[in-house]
PDB file of N, CA and C in Angstrom:
ATOM      1  N   MET A   1       4.546 102.984  13.581  1.00  0.00           N
ATOM      2  CA  MET A   1       4.655 102.180  14.788  1.00  0.00           C
ATOM      3  C   MET A   1       4.113 100.791  14.481  1.00  0.00           C
ATOM      4  N   ARG A   2       4.831  99.801  14.931  1.00  0.00           N
ATOM      5  CA  ARG A   2       4.383  98.415  14.748  1.00  0.00           C
ATOM      6  C   ARG A   2       3.271  98.085  15.745  1.00  0.00           C
ATOM      7  N   LEU A   3       2.482  97.091  15.401  1.00  0.00           N
ATOM      8  CA  LEU A   3       1.352  96.704  16.238  1.00  0.00           C
ATOM      9  C   LEU A   3       1.796  96.270  17.632  1.00  0.00           C
ATOM     10  N   GLU A   4       2.883  95.530  17.734  1.00  0.00           N
ATOM     11  CA  GLU A   4       3.363  95.075  19.042  1.00  0.00           C
ATOM     12  C   GLU A   4       3.787  96.266  19.910  1.00  0.00           C
ATOM     13  N   THR A   5       4.414  97.247  19.297  1.00  0.00           N
ATOM     14  CA  THR A   5       4.791  98.455  20.028  1.00  0.00           C
ATOM     15  C   THR A   5       3.541  99.207  20.475  1.00  0.00           C
ATOM     16  N   ALA A   6       2.558  99.286  19.584  1.00  0.00           N
ATOM     17  CA  ALA A   6       1.296  99.941  19.937  1.00  0.00           C
ATOM     18  C   ALA A   6       0.630  99.220  21.112  1.00  0.00           C
ATOM     19  N   ARG A   7       0.656  97.899  21.100  1.00  0.00           N
ATOM     20  CA  ARG A   7       0.072  97.123  22.195  1.00  0.00           C
ATOM     21  C   ARG A   7       0.764  97.469  23.513  1.00  0.00           C
ATOM     22  N   THR A   8       2.084  97.627  23.468  1.00  0.00           N
ATOM     23  CA  THR A   8       2.842  97.969  24.672  1.00  0.00           C
ATOM     24  C   THR A   8       2.515  99.382  25.138  1.00  0.00           C
ATOM     25  N   VAL A   9       2.501 100.346  24.209  1.00  0.00           N
ATOM     26  CA  VAL A   9       2.193 101.736  24.561  1.00  0.00           C
ATOM     27  C   VAL A   9       0.802 101.833  25.175  1.00  0.00           C
ATOM     28  N   LEU A  10      -0.146 101.109  24.602  1.00  0.00           N
ATOM     29  CA  LEU A  10      -1.535 101.173  25.072  1.00  0.00           C
ATOM     30  C   LEU A  10      -1.799 100.254  26.255  1.00  0.00           C
ATOM     31  N   ASN A  11      -0.788  99.463  26.633  1.00  0.00           N
ATOM     32  CA  ASN A  11      -0.917  98.541  27.761  1.00  0.00           C
ATOM     33  C   ASN A  11      -2.126  97.615  27.577  1.00  0.00           C
ATOM     34  N   LEU A  12      -2.208  97.020  26.376  1.00  0.00           N
ATOM     35  CA  LEU A  12      -3.324  96.127  26.055  1.00  0.00           C
ATOM     36  C   LEU A  12      -2.865  94.681  26.116  1.00  0.00           C
ATOM     37  N   PRO A  13      -3.556  93.836  26.864  1.00  0.00           N
ATOM     38  CA  PRO A  13      -3.268  92.408  26.769  1.00  0.00           C
ATOM     39  C   PRO A  13      -3.694  91.901  25.384  1.00  0.00           C
ATOM     40  N   TYR A  14      -3.195  90.737  25.001  1.00  0.00           N
ATOM     41  CA  TYR A  14      -3.495  90.216  23.663  1.00  0.00           C
ATOM     42  C   TYR A  14      -4.989  90.061  23.397  1.00  0.00           C
ATOM     43  N   ASP A  15      -5.754  89.640  24.396  1.00  0.00           N
ATOM     44  CA  ASP A  15      -7.191  89.471  24.150  1.00  0.00           C
ATOM     45  C   ASP A  15      -7.863  90.814  23.876  1.00  0.00           C
ATOM     46  N   ALA A  16      -7.418  91.873  24.557  1.00  0.00           N
ATOM     47  CA  ALA A  16      -7.984  93.197  24.313  1.00  0.00           C
ATOM     48  C   ALA A  16      -7.553  93.720  22.943  1.00  0.00           C
ATOM     49  N   LEU A  17      -6.304  93.472  22.567  1.00  0.00           N
ATOM     50  CA  LEU A  17      -5.849  93.882  21.243  1.00  0.00           C
ATOM     51  C   LEU A  17      -6.638  93.145  20.167  1.00  0.00           C
ATOM     52  N   ALA A  18      -6.840  91.860  20.358  1.00  0.00           N
ATOM     53  CA  ALA A  18      -7.629  91.081  19.392  1.00  0.00           C
ATOM     54  C   ALA A  18      -9.043  91.656  19.276  1.00  0.00           C
ATOM     55  N   ALA A  19      -9.654  92.008  20.407  1.00  0.00           N
ATOM     56  CA  ALA A  19     -10.994  92.604  20.379  1.00  0.00           C
ATOM     57  C   ALA A  19     -10.974  93.927  19.622  1.00  0.00           C
ATOM     58  N   ALA A  20      -9.940  94.748  19.856  1.00  0.00           N
ATOM     59  CA  ALA A  20      -9.829  96.032  19.154  1.00  0.00           C
ATOM     60  C   ALA A  20      -9.714  95.830  17.647  1.00  0.00           C
ATOM     61  N   LEU A  21      -9.119  94.707  17.255  1.00  0.00           N
ATOM     62  CA  LEU A  21      -8.949  94.414  15.831  1.00  0.00           C
ATOM     63  C   LEU A  21     -10.122  93.624  15.255  1.00  0.00           C
ATOM     64  N   GLY A  22     -11.085  93.286  16.105  1.00  0.00           N
ATOM     65  CA  GLY A  22     -12.261  92.552  15.644  1.00  0.00           C
ATOM     66  C   GLY A  22     -11.967  91.103  15.318  1.00  0.00           C
ATOM     67  N   THR A  23     -11.044  90.506  16.059  1.00  0.00           N
ATOM     68  CA  THR A  23     -10.673  89.125  15.795  1.00  0.00           C
ATOM     69  C   THR A  23     -10.486  88.362  17.104  1.00  0.00           C
ATOM     70  N   HIS A  24     -10.172  87.108  16.999  1.00  0.00           N
ATOM     71  CA  HIS A  24      -9.948  86.239  18.154  1.00  0.00           C
ATOM     72  C   HIS A  24      -8.453  86.238  18.489  1.00  0.00           C
ATOM     73  N   PRO A  25      -8.089  86.105  19.774  1.00  0.00           N
ATOM     74  CA  PRO A  25      -6.665  86.064  20.131  1.00  0.00           C
ATOM     75  C   PRO A  25      -5.873  84.992  19.376  1.00  0.00           C
ATOM     76  N   THR A  26      -6.488  83.842  19.118  1.00  0.00           N
ATOM     77  CA  THR A  26      -5.798  82.788  18.375  1.00  0.00           C
ATOM     78  C   THR A  26      -5.441  83.259  16.964  1.00  0.00           C
ATOM     79  N   THR A  27      -6.348  83.985  16.339  1.00  0.00           N
ATOM     80  CA  THR A  27      -6.091  84.524  15.007  1.00  0.00           C
ATOM     81  C   THR A  27      -4.952  85.535  15.052  1.00  0.00           C
ATOM     82  N   LEU A  28      -4.946  86.363  16.076  1.00  0.00           N
ATOM     83  CA  LEU A  28      -3.874  87.341  16.241  1.00  0.00           C
ATOM     84  C   LEU A  28      -2.520  86.637  16.361  1.00  0.00           C
ATOM     85  N   HIS A  29      -2.464  85.565  17.130  1.00  0.00           N
ATOM     86  CA  HIS A  29      -1.217  84.805  17.262  1.00  0.00           C
ATOM     87  C   HIS A  29      -0.802  84.179  15.925  1.00  0.00           C
ATOM     88  N   ARG A  30      -1.769  83.734  15.141  1.00  0.00           N
ATOM     89  CA  ARG A  30      -1.448  83.175  13.820  1.00  0.00           C
ATOM     90  C   ARG A  30      -0.841  84.236  12.909  1.00  0.00           C
ATOM     91  N   TRP A  31      -1.381  85.447  12.978  1.00  0.00           N
ATOM     92  CA  TRP A  31      -0.820  86.536  12.187  1.00  0.00           C
ATOM     93  C   TRP A  31       0.615  86.813  12.616  1.00  0.00           C
ATOM     94  N   ARG A  32       0.832  86.861  13.931  1.00  0.00           N
ATOM     95  CA  ARG A  32       2.174  87.152  14.452  1.00  0.00           C
ATOM     96  C   ARG A  32       3.191  86.099  14.031  1.00  0.00           C
ATOM     97  N   ARG A  33       2.773  84.836  13.959  1.00  0.00           N
ATOM     98  CA  ARG A  33       3.669  83.744  13.576  1.00  0.00           C
ATOM     99  C   ARG A  33       3.765  83.570  12.060  1.00  0.00           C
ATOM    100  N   GLY A  34       2.987  84.350  11.313  1.00  0.00           N
ATOM    101  CA  GLY A  34       3.022  84.254   9.858  1.00  0.00           C
ATOM    102  C   GLY A  34       2.266  83.071   9.299  1.00  0.00           C
ATOM    103  N   GLU A  35       1.406  82.462  10.108  1.00  0.00           N
ATOM    104  CA  GLU A  35       0.637  81.301   9.655  1.00  0.00           C
ATOM    105  C   GLU A  35      -0.568  81.698   8.810  1.00  0.00           C
ATOM    106  N   SER A  36      -1.003  82.928   8.961  1.00  0.00           N
ATOM    107  CA  SER A  36      -2.095  83.457   8.147  1.00  0.00           C
ATOM    108  C   SER A  36      -1.906  84.964   8.049  1.00  0.00           C
ATOM    109  N   SER A  37      -2.662  85.564   7.168  1.00  0.00           N
ATOM    110  CA  SER A  37      -2.572  87.010   6.960  1.00  0.00           C
ATOM    111  C   SER A  37      -3.890  87.664   7.340  1.00  0.00           C
ATOM    112  N   PRO A  38      -3.809  88.879   7.887  1.00  0.00           N
ATOM    113  CA  PRO A  38      -5.055  89.577   8.250  1.00  0.00           C
ATOM    114  C   PRO A  38      -5.823  90.010   7.010  1.00  0.00           C
ATOM    115  N   SER A  39      -7.118  90.112   7.170  1.00  0.00           N
ATOM    116  CA  SER A  39      -7.984  90.611   6.092  1.00  0.00           C
ATOM    117  C   SER A  39      -7.751  92.112   5.914  1.00  0.00           C
ATOM    118  N   ARG A  40      -8.247  92.632   4.833  1.00  0.00           N
ATOM    119  CA  ARG A  40      -8.118  94.076   4.583  1.00  0.00           C
ATOM    120  C   ARG A  40      -8.759  94.906   5.696  1.00  0.00           C
ATOM    121  N   PRO A  41      -9.982  94.578   6.156  1.00  0.00           N
ATOM    122  CA  PRO A  41     -10.550  95.346   7.271  1.00  0.00           C
ATOM    123  C   PRO A  41      -9.687  95.257   8.544  1.00  0.00           C
ATOM    124  N   ALA A  42      -9.090  94.097   8.795  1.00  0.00           N
ATOM    125  CA  ALA A  42      -8.228  93.952   9.971  1.00  0.00           C
ATOM    126  C   ALA A  42      -6.979  94.818   9.833  1.00  0.00           C
ATOM    127  N   VAL A  43      -6.429  94.901   8.631  1.00  0.00           N
ATOM    128  CA  VAL A  43      -5.260  95.761   8.401  1.00  0.00           C
ATOM    129  C   VAL A  43      -5.638  97.220   8.657  1.00  0.00           C
ATOM    130  N   THR A  44      -6.827  97.607   8.230  1.00  0.00           N
ATOM    131  CA  THR A  44      -7.305  98.975   8.481  1.00  0.00           C
ATOM    132  C   THR A  44      -7.424  99.227   9.975  1.00  0.00           C
ATOM    133  N   ARG A  45      -7.991  98.272  10.705  1.00  0.00           N
ATOM    134  CA  ARG A  45      -8.120  98.426  12.164  1.00  0.00           C
ATOM    135  C   ARG A  45      -6.744  98.482  12.833  1.00  0.00           C
ATOM    136  N   MET A  46      -5.789  97.708  12.319  1.00  0.00           N
ATOM    137  CA  MET A  46      -4.421  97.758  12.849  1.00  0.00           C
ATOM    138  C   MET A  46      -3.840  99.162  12.689  1.00  0.00           C
ATOM    139  N   ALA A  47      -4.053  99.735  11.519  1.00  0.00           N
ATOM    140  CA  ALA A  47      -3.551 101.088  11.263  1.00  0.00           C
ATOM    141  C   ALA A  47      -4.195 102.096  12.214  1.00  0.00           C
ATOM    142  N   GLU A  48      -5.487 101.918  12.493  1.00  0.00           N
ATOM    143  CA  GLU A  48      -6.179 102.826  13.405  1.00  0.00           C
ATOM    144  C   GLU A  48      -5.641 102.703  14.832  1.00  0.00           C
ATOM    145  N   VAL A  49      -5.430 101.474  15.281  1.00  0.00           N
ATOM    146  CA  VAL A  49      -4.902 101.254  16.632  1.00  0.00           C
ATOM    147  C   VAL A  49      -3.490 101.822  16.751  1.00  0.00           C
ATOM    148  N   THR A  50      -2.659 101.591  15.751  1.00  0.00           N
ATOM    149  CA  THR A  50      -1.296 102.124  15.825  1.00  0.00           C
ATOM    150  C   THR A  50      -1.289 103.646  15.729  1.00  0.00           C
ATOM    151  N   ALA A  51      -2.230 104.235  14.993  1.00  0.00           N
ATOM    152  CA  ALA A  51      -2.327 105.698  14.921  1.00  0.00           C
ATOM    153  C   ALA A  51      -2.696 106.274  16.282  1.00  0.00           C
ATOM    154  N   VAL A  52      -3.602 105.616  16.998  1.00  0.00           N
ATOM    155  CA  VAL A  52      -3.962 106.060  18.354  1.00  0.00           C
ATOM    156  C   VAL A  52      -2.739 105.976  19.263  1.00  0.00           C
ATOM    157  N   ALA A  53      -2.021 104.859  19.189  1.00  0.00           N
ATOM    158  CA  ALA A  53      -0.826 104.696  20.031  1.00  0.00           C
ATOM    159  C   ALA A  53       0.218 105.753  19.702  1.00  0.00           C
ATOM    160  N   ASP A  54       0.415 106.046  18.422  1.00  0.00           N
ATOM    161  CA  ASP A  54       1.358 107.100  18.021  1.00  0.00           C
ATOM    162  C   ASP A  54       0.964 108.449  18.622  1.00  0.00           C
ATOM    163  N   ALA A  55      -0.310 108.792  18.476  1.00  0.00           N
ATOM    164  CA  ALA A  55      -0.791 110.083  18.986  1.00  0.00           C
ATOM    165  C   ALA A  55      -0.613 110.166  20.498  1.00  0.00           C
ATOM    166  N   LEU A  56      -0.970 109.104  21.195  1.00  0.00           N
ATOM    167  CA  LEU A  56      -0.839 109.121  22.653  1.00  0.00           C
ATOM    168  C   LEU A  56       0.612 109.124  23.101  1.00  0.00           C
ATOM    169  N   ALA A  57       1.486 108.442  22.371  1.00  0.00           N
ATOM    170  CA  ALA A  57       2.913 108.458  22.715  1.00  0.00           C
ATOM    171  C   ALA A  57       3.484 109.865  22.537  1.00  0.00           C
ATOM    172  N   ARG A  58       2.990 110.608  21.543  1.00  0.00           N
ATOM    173  CA  ARG A  58       3.446 111.996  21.367  1.00  0.00           C
ATOM    174  C   ARG A  58       2.974 112.884  22.511  1.00  0.00           C
ATOM    175  N   ILE A  59       1.770 112.642  23.005  1.00  0.00           N
ATOM    176  CA  ILE A  59       1.221 113.464  24.084  1.00  0.00           C
ATOM    177  C   ILE A  59       1.842 113.100  25.430  1.00  0.00           C
ATOM    178  N   TYR A  60       1.908 111.802  25.728  1.00  0.00           N
ATOM    179  CA  TYR A  60       2.320 111.339  27.053  1.00  0.00           C
ATOM    180  C   TYR A  60       3.745 110.818  27.120  1.00  0.00           C
ATOM    181  N   GLY A  61       4.313 110.451  25.984  1.00  0.00           N
ATOM    182  CA  GLY A  61       5.587 109.742  25.974  1.00  0.00           C
ATOM    183  C   GLY A  61       5.302 108.255  26.081  1.00  0.00           C
ATOM    184  N   PRO A  62       6.217 107.432  25.577  1.00  0.00           N
ATOM    185  CA  PRO A  62       5.985 105.987  25.627  1.00  0.00           C
ATOM    186  C   PRO A  62       6.074 105.458  27.055  1.00  0.00           C
ATOM    187  N   ALA A  63       5.330 104.416  27.327  1.00  0.00           N
ATOM    188  CA  ALA A  63       5.361 103.716  28.618  1.00  0.00           C
ATOM    189  C   ALA A  63       5.081 104.649  29.790  1.00  0.00           C
ATOM    190  N   SER A  64       4.091 105.490  29.662  1.00  0.00           N
ATOM    191  CA  SER A  64       3.750 106.445  30.711  1.00  0.00           C
ATOM    192  C   SER A  64       2.638 105.895  31.603  1.00  0.00           C
ATOM    193  N   SER A  65       2.848 105.977  32.898  1.00  0.00           N
ATOM    194  CA  SER A  65       1.786 105.555  33.816  1.00  0.00           C
ATOM    195  C   SER A  65       0.603 106.524  33.743  1.00  0.00           C
ATOM    196  N   THR A  66       0.865 107.768  33.415  1.00  0.00           N
ATOM    197  CA  THR A  66      -0.211 108.747  33.242  1.00  0.00           C
ATOM    198  C   THR A  66      -1.092 108.351  32.069  1.00  0.00           C
ATOM    199  N   LEU A  67      -0.476 107.861  31.001  1.00  0.00           N
ATOM    200  CA  LEU A  67      -1.232 107.397  29.836  1.00  0.00           C
ATOM    201  C   LEU A  67      -2.150 106.246  30.214  1.00  0.00           C
ATOM    202  N   VAL A  68      -1.633 105.295  30.966  1.00  0.00           N
ATOM    203  CA  VAL A  68      -2.450 104.146  31.381  1.00  0.00           C
ATOM    204  C   VAL A  68      -3.644 104.629  32.200  1.00  0.00           C
ATOM    205  N   GLY A  69      -3.401 105.566  33.107  1.00  0.00           N
ATOM    206  CA  GLY A  69      -4.502 106.125  33.904  1.00  0.00           C
ATOM    207  C   GLY A  69      -5.532 106.822  33.034  1.00  0.00           C
ATOM    208  N   TRP A  70      -5.055 107.585  32.046  1.00  0.00           N
ATOM    209  CA  TRP A  70      -5.973 108.287  31.148  1.00  0.00           C
ATOM    210  C   TRP A  70      -6.808 107.304  30.348  1.00  0.00           C
ATOM    211  N   LEU A  71      -6.187 106.228  29.875  1.00  0.00           N
ATOM    212  CA  LEU A  71      -6.917 105.234  29.088  1.00  0.00           C
ATOM    213  C   LEU A  71      -8.064 104.607  29.869  1.00  0.00           C
ATOM    214  N   ASP A  72      -7.903 104.498  31.176  1.00  0.00           N
ATOM    215  CA  ASP A  72      -8.902 103.824  32.000  1.00  0.00           C
ATOM    216  C   ASP A  72      -9.915 104.766  32.639  1.00  0.00           C
ATOM    217  N   THR A  73      -9.788 106.067  32.411  1.00  0.00           N
ATOM    218  CA  THR A  73     -10.667 107.057  33.031  1.00  0.00           C
ATOM    219  C   THR A  73     -11.819 107.416  32.101  1.00  0.00           C
ATOM    220  N   PRO A  74     -13.061 107.266  32.563  1.00  0.00           N
ATOM    221  CA  PRO A  74     -14.202 107.692  31.730  1.00  0.00           C
ATOM    222  C   PRO A  74     -14.065 109.174  31.378  1.00  0.00           C
ATOM    223  N   HIS A  75     -14.487 109.537  30.187  1.00  0.00           N
ATOM    224  CA  HIS A  75     -14.333 110.912  29.714  1.00  0.00           C
ATOM    225  C   HIS A  75     -15.654 111.422  29.159  1.00  0.00           C
ATOM    226  N   PRO A  76     -16.020 112.668  29.481  1.00  0.00           N
ATOM    227  CA  PRO A  76     -17.296 113.206  28.993  1.00  0.00           C
ATOM    228  C   PRO A  76     -17.400 113.259  27.468  1.00  0.00           C
ATOM    229  N   LEU A  77     -16.302 113.500  26.778  1.00  0.00           N
ATOM    230  CA  LEU A  77     -16.341 113.547  25.315  1.00  0.00           C
ATOM    231  C   LEU A  77     -16.744 112.200  24.727  1.00  0.00           C
ATOM    232  N   PHE A  78     -16.475 111.132  25.471  1.00  0.00           N
ATOM    233  CA  PHE A  78     -16.780 109.781  25.005  1.00  0.00           C
ATOM    234  C   PHE A  78     -18.025 109.228  25.687  1.00  0.00           C
ATOM    235  N   SER A  79     -18.949 110.112  26.042  1.00  0.00           N
ATOM    236  CA  SER A  79     -20.203 109.728  26.699  1.00  0.00           C
ATOM    237  C   SER A  79     -19.955 108.915  27.967  1.00  0.00           C
ATOM    238  N   GLY A  80     -18.911 109.295  28.688  1.00  0.00           N
ATOM    239  CA  GLY A  80     -18.615 108.631  29.949  1.00  0.00           C
ATOM    240  C   GLY A  80     -17.845 107.330  29.815  1.00  0.00           C
ATOM    241  N   GLU A  81     -17.508 106.936  28.600  1.00  0.00           N
ATOM    242  CA  GLU A  81     -16.713 105.718  28.412  1.00  0.00           C
ATOM    243  C   GLU A  81     -15.232 106.064  28.523  1.00  0.00           C
ATOM    244  N   SER A  82     -14.448 105.061  28.838  1.00  0.00           N
ATOM    245  CA  SER A  82     -13.003 105.267  28.881  1.00  0.00           C
ATOM    246  C   SER A  82     -12.428 105.104  27.477  1.00  0.00           C
ATOM    247  N   PRO A  83     -11.301 105.756  27.204  1.00  0.00           N
ATOM    248  CA  PRO A  83     -10.647 105.544  25.910  1.00  0.00           C
ATOM    249  C   PRO A  83     -10.321 104.067  25.654  1.00  0.00           C
ATOM    250  N   ARG A  84      -9.941 103.323  26.702  1.00  0.00           N
ATOM    251  CA  ARG A  84      -9.652 101.900  26.527  1.00  0.00           C
ATOM    252  C   ARG A  84     -10.904 101.151  26.057  1.00  0.00           C
ATOM    253  N   ALA A  85     -12.072 101.503  26.610  1.00  0.00           N
ATOM    254  CA  ALA A  85     -13.321 100.860  26.188  1.00  0.00           C
ATOM    255  C   ALA A  85     -13.585 101.127  24.702  1.00  0.00           C
ATOM    256  N   LEU A  86     -13.277 102.345  24.257  1.00  0.00           N
ATOM    257  CA  LEU A  86     -13.435 102.653  22.831  1.00  0.00           C
ATOM    258  C   LEU A  86     -12.523 101.779  21.987  1.00  0.00           C
ATOM    259  N   LEU A  87     -11.279 101.643  22.407  1.00  0.00           N
ATOM    260  CA  LEU A  87     -10.326 100.811  21.662  1.00  0.00           C
ATOM    261  C   LEU A  87     -10.795  99.372  21.568  1.00  0.00           C
ATOM    262  N   VAL A  88     -11.131  98.807  22.714  1.00  0.00           N
ATOM    263  CA  VAL A  88     -11.476  97.388  22.768  1.00  0.00           C
ATOM    264  C   VAL A  88     -12.775  97.091  22.025  1.00  0.00           C
ATOM    265  N   SER A  89     -13.636  98.083  21.929  1.00  0.00           N
ATOM    266  CA  SER A  89     -14.892  97.864  21.202  1.00  0.00           C
ATOM    267  C   SER A  89     -14.765  98.172  19.710  1.00  0.00           C
ATOM    268  N   GLY A  90     -13.523  98.380  19.245  1.00  0.00           N
ATOM    269  CA  GLY A  90     -13.307  98.581  17.824  1.00  0.00           C
ATOM    270  C   GLY A  90     -13.524  99.995  17.330  1.00  0.00           C
ATOM    271  N   ARG A  91     -13.517 100.969  18.242  1.00  0.00           N
ATOM    272  CA  ARG A  91     -13.745 102.370  17.844  1.00  0.00           C
ATOM    273  C   ARG A  91     -12.467 103.208  17.891  1.00  0.00           C
ATOM    274  N   ALA A  92     -11.360 102.601  17.477  1.00  0.00           N
ATOM    275  CA  ALA A  92     -10.077 103.307  17.472  1.00  0.00           C
ATOM    276  C   ALA A  92     -10.105 104.509  16.538  1.00  0.00           C
ATOM    277  N   SER A  93     -10.820 104.409  15.422  1.00  0.00           N
ATOM    278  CA  SER A  93     -10.856 105.534  14.475  1.00  0.00           C
ATOM    279  C   SER A  93     -11.532 106.747  15.115  1.00  0.00           C
ATOM    280  N   PHE A  94     -12.579 106.529  15.913  1.00  0.00           N
ATOM    281  CA  PHE A  94     -13.240 107.631  16.618  1.00  0.00           C
ATOM    282  C   PHE A  94     -12.281 108.251  17.630  1.00  0.00           C
ATOM    283  N   LEU A  95     -11.588 107.405  18.382  1.00  0.00           N
ATOM    284  CA  LEU A  95     -10.637 107.898  19.378  1.00  0.00           C
ATOM    285  C   LEU A  95      -9.508 108.666  18.696  1.00  0.00           C
ATOM    286  N   HIS A  96      -9.009 108.149  17.575  1.00  0.00           N
ATOM    287  CA  HIS A  96      -7.942 108.836  16.859  1.00  0.00           C
ATOM    288  C   HIS A  96      -8.408 110.202  16.361  1.00  0.00           C
ATOM    289  N   ALA A  97      -9.615 110.278  15.837  1.00  0.00           N
ATOM    290  CA  ALA A  97     -10.151 111.562  15.368  1.00  0.00           C
ATOM    291  C   ALA A  97     -10.267 112.549  16.521  1.00  0.00           C
ATOM    292  N   ALA A  98     -10.734 112.086  17.678  1.00  0.00           N
ATOM    293  CA  ALA A  98     -10.842 112.962  18.846  1.00  0.00           C
ATOM    294  C   ALA A  98      -9.462 113.463  19.276  1.00  0.00           C
ATOM    295  N   LEU A  99      -8.469 112.593  19.236  1.00  0.00           N
ATOM    296  CA  LEU A  99      -7.110 112.999  19.594  1.00  0.00           C
ATOM    297  C   LEU A  99      -6.557 114.002  18.596  1.00  0.00           C
ATOM    298  N   ALA A 100      -6.856 113.814  17.325  1.00  0.00           N
ATOM    299  CA  ALA A 100      -6.374 114.736  16.292  1.00  0.00           C
ATOM    300  C   ALA A 100      -6.974 116.124  16.480  1.00  0.00           C
ATOM    301  N   ILE A 101      -8.226 116.172  16.900  1.00  0.00           N
ATOM    302  CA  ILE A 101      -8.909 117.455  17.066  1.00  0.00           C
ATOM    303  C   ILE A 101      -8.562 118.103  18.407  1.00  0.00           C
ATOM    304  N   HIS A 102      -8.600 117.310  19.471  1.00  0.00           N
ATOM    305  CA  HIS A 102      -8.486 117.873  20.816  1.00  0.00           C
ATOM    306  C   HIS A 102      -7.120 117.685  21.468  1.00  0.00           C
ATOM    307  N   GLY A 103      -6.362 116.705  21.022  1.00  0.00           N
ATOM    308  CA  GLY A 103      -5.003 116.488  21.518  1.00  0.00           C
ATOM    309  C   GLY A 103      -4.869 116.528  23.024  1.00  0.00           C
ATOM    310  N   ARG A 104      -3.970 117.368  23.491  1.00  0.00           N
ATOM    311  CA  ARG A 104      -3.652 117.454  24.923  1.00  0.00           C
ATOM    312  C   ARG A 104      -4.838 117.908  25.770  1.00  0.00           C
ATOM    313  N   ALA A 105      -5.790 118.613  25.172  1.00  0.00           N
ATOM    314  CA  ALA A 105      -6.940 119.068  25.949  1.00  0.00           C
ATOM    315  C   ALA A 105      -7.709 117.898  26.542  1.00  0.00           C
ATOM    316  N   LEU A 106      -7.731 116.765  25.866  1.00  0.00           N
ATOM    317  CA  LEU A 106      -8.412 115.585  26.399  1.00  0.00           C
ATOM    318  C   LEU A 106      -7.765 115.147  27.701  1.00  0.00           C
ATOM    319  N   HIS A 107      -6.455 115.218  27.774  1.00  0.00           N
ATOM    320  CA  HIS A 107      -5.749 114.842  28.998  1.00  0.00           C
ATOM    321  C   HIS A 107      -6.106 115.812  30.111  1.00  0.00           C
ATOM    322  N   ARG A 108      -6.047 117.095  29.827  1.00  0.00           N
ATOM    323  CA  ARG A 108      -6.311 118.085  30.881  1.00  0.00           C
ATOM    324  C   ARG A 108      -7.737 117.980  31.403  1.00  0.00           C
ATOM    325  N   GLU A 109      -8.706 117.690  30.516  1.00  0.00           N
ATOM    326  CA  GLU A 109     -10.103 117.615  30.942  1.00  0.00           C
ATOM    327  C   GLU A 109     -10.377 116.425  31.842  1.00  0.00           C
ATOM    328  N   SER A 110      -9.620 115.336  31.671  1.00  0.00           N
ATOM    329  CA  SER A 110      -9.902 114.147  32.469  1.00  0.00           C
ATOM    330  C   SER A 110      -8.948 113.995  33.636  1.00  0.00           C
ATOM    331  N   ALA A 111      -7.958 114.887  33.762  1.00  0.00           N
ATOM    332  CA  ALA A 111      -6.996 114.795  34.852  1.00  0.00           C
ATOM    333  C   ALA A 111      -7.631 115.298  36.143  1.00  0.00           C
ATOM    334  N   PRO A 112      -7.155 114.839  37.296  1.00  0.00           N
ATOM    335  CA  PRO A 112      -7.629 115.383  38.558  1.00  0.00           C
ATOM    336  C   PRO A 112      -7.389 116.886  38.598  1.00  0.00           C
ATOM    337  N   ILE A 113      -8.175 117.605  39.375  1.00  0.00           N
ATOM    338  CA  ILE A 113      -8.120 119.066  39.397  1.00  0.00           C
ATOM    339  C   ILE A 113      -6.703 119.574  39.648  1.00  0.00           C
ATOM    340  N   GLY A 114      -6.003 119.007  40.589  1.00  0.00           N
ATOM    341  CA  GLY A 114      -4.649 119.463  40.884  1.00  0.00           C
ATOM    342  C   GLY A 114      -3.727 119.302  39.693  1.00  0.00           C
ATOM    343  N   ALA A 115      -3.832 118.184  39.003  1.00  0.00           N
ATOM    344  CA  ALA A 115      -2.976 117.931  37.841  1.00  0.00           C
ATOM    345  C   ALA A 115      -3.324 118.887  36.709  1.00  0.00           C
ATOM    346  N   ALA A 116      -4.621 119.146  36.495  1.00  0.00           N
ATOM    347  CA  ALA A 116      -5.029 120.066  35.444  1.00  0.00           C
ATOM    348  C   ALA A 116      -4.517 121.472  35.751  1.00  0.00           C
ATOM    349  N   THR A 117      -4.569 121.873  37.005  1.00  0.00           N
ATOM    350  CA  THR A 117      -4.091 123.173  37.409  1.00  0.00           C
ATOM    351  C   THR A 117      -2.592 123.287  37.158  1.00  0.00           C
ATOM    352  N   ARG A 118      -1.832 122.254  37.542  1.00  0.00           N
ATOM    353  CA  ARG A 118      -0.384 122.267  37.314  1.00  0.00           C
ATOM    354  C   ARG A 118      -0.062 122.287  35.824  1.00  0.00           C
ATOM    355  N   ALA A 119      -0.857 121.577  35.017  1.00  0.00           N
ATOM    356  CA  ALA A 119      -0.606 121.525  33.575  1.00  0.00           C
ATOM    357  C   ALA A 119      -0.753 122.908  32.948  1.00  0.00           C
ATOM    358  N   ARG A 120      -1.609 123.748  33.530  1.00  0.00           N
ATOM    359  CA  ARG A 120      -1.789 125.114  33.024  1.00  0.00           C
ATOM    360  C   ARG A 120      -0.783 126.078  33.627  1.00  0.00           C
ATOM    361  N   GLY A 121       0.057 125.604  34.566  1.00  0.00           N
ATOM    362  CA  GLY A 121       1.054 126.466  35.176  1.00  0.00           C
ATOM    363  C   GLY A 121       0.503 127.294  36.334  1.00  0.00           C
ATOM    364  N   GLU A 122      -0.689 126.964  36.796  1.00  0.00           N
ATOM    365  CA  GLU A 122      -1.304 127.702  37.899  1.00  0.00           C
ATOM    366  C   GLU A 122      -0.992 126.991  39.196  1.00  0.00           C
ATOM    367  N   THR A 123      -1.231 127.664  40.295  1.00  0.00           N
ATOM    368  CA  THR A 123      -1.062 127.006  41.588  1.00  0.00           C
ATOM    369  C   THR A 123      -2.420 126.572  42.090  1.00  0.00           C
ATOM    370  N   ALA A 124      -2.436 125.488  42.821  1.00  0.00           N
ATOM    371  CA  ALA A 124      -3.695 124.959  43.357  1.00  0.00           C
ATOM    372  C   ALA A 124      -4.217 125.893  44.421  1.00  0.00           C
ATOM    373  N   PRO A 125      -5.556 126.018  44.542  1.00  0.00           N
ATOM    374  CA  PRO A 125      -6.140 126.914  45.557  1.00  0.00           C
ATOM    375  C   PRO A 125      -5.876 126.417  46.960  1.00  0.00           C
TER     376      PRO A 125
END
């Protein structure tokens, strides 16, 4: 997945994407225009962000409003932080590892009770 596609899937504005990559938005624009090249650590962070977007697109599908809601919801596995906060603070590798281990269970744990019940095929009380 390309970085621009990942940005769209994750619904990240350019400043948030730049923060996730540990750089300034102006630098990100320079990379996009080919005026400069990212450093090796920045390339690694790009790979981590795109890996998170790939994993989430497999779970939720691309351009999902449910995905956007999940990204903004604090989660107990992340010490009450939202997945978006992890991304923007440069912890995409941690989020990707959690997705690799827990996958869809992360969605069910943070979904409203009714949605979690429906996801398991049960009826709400």
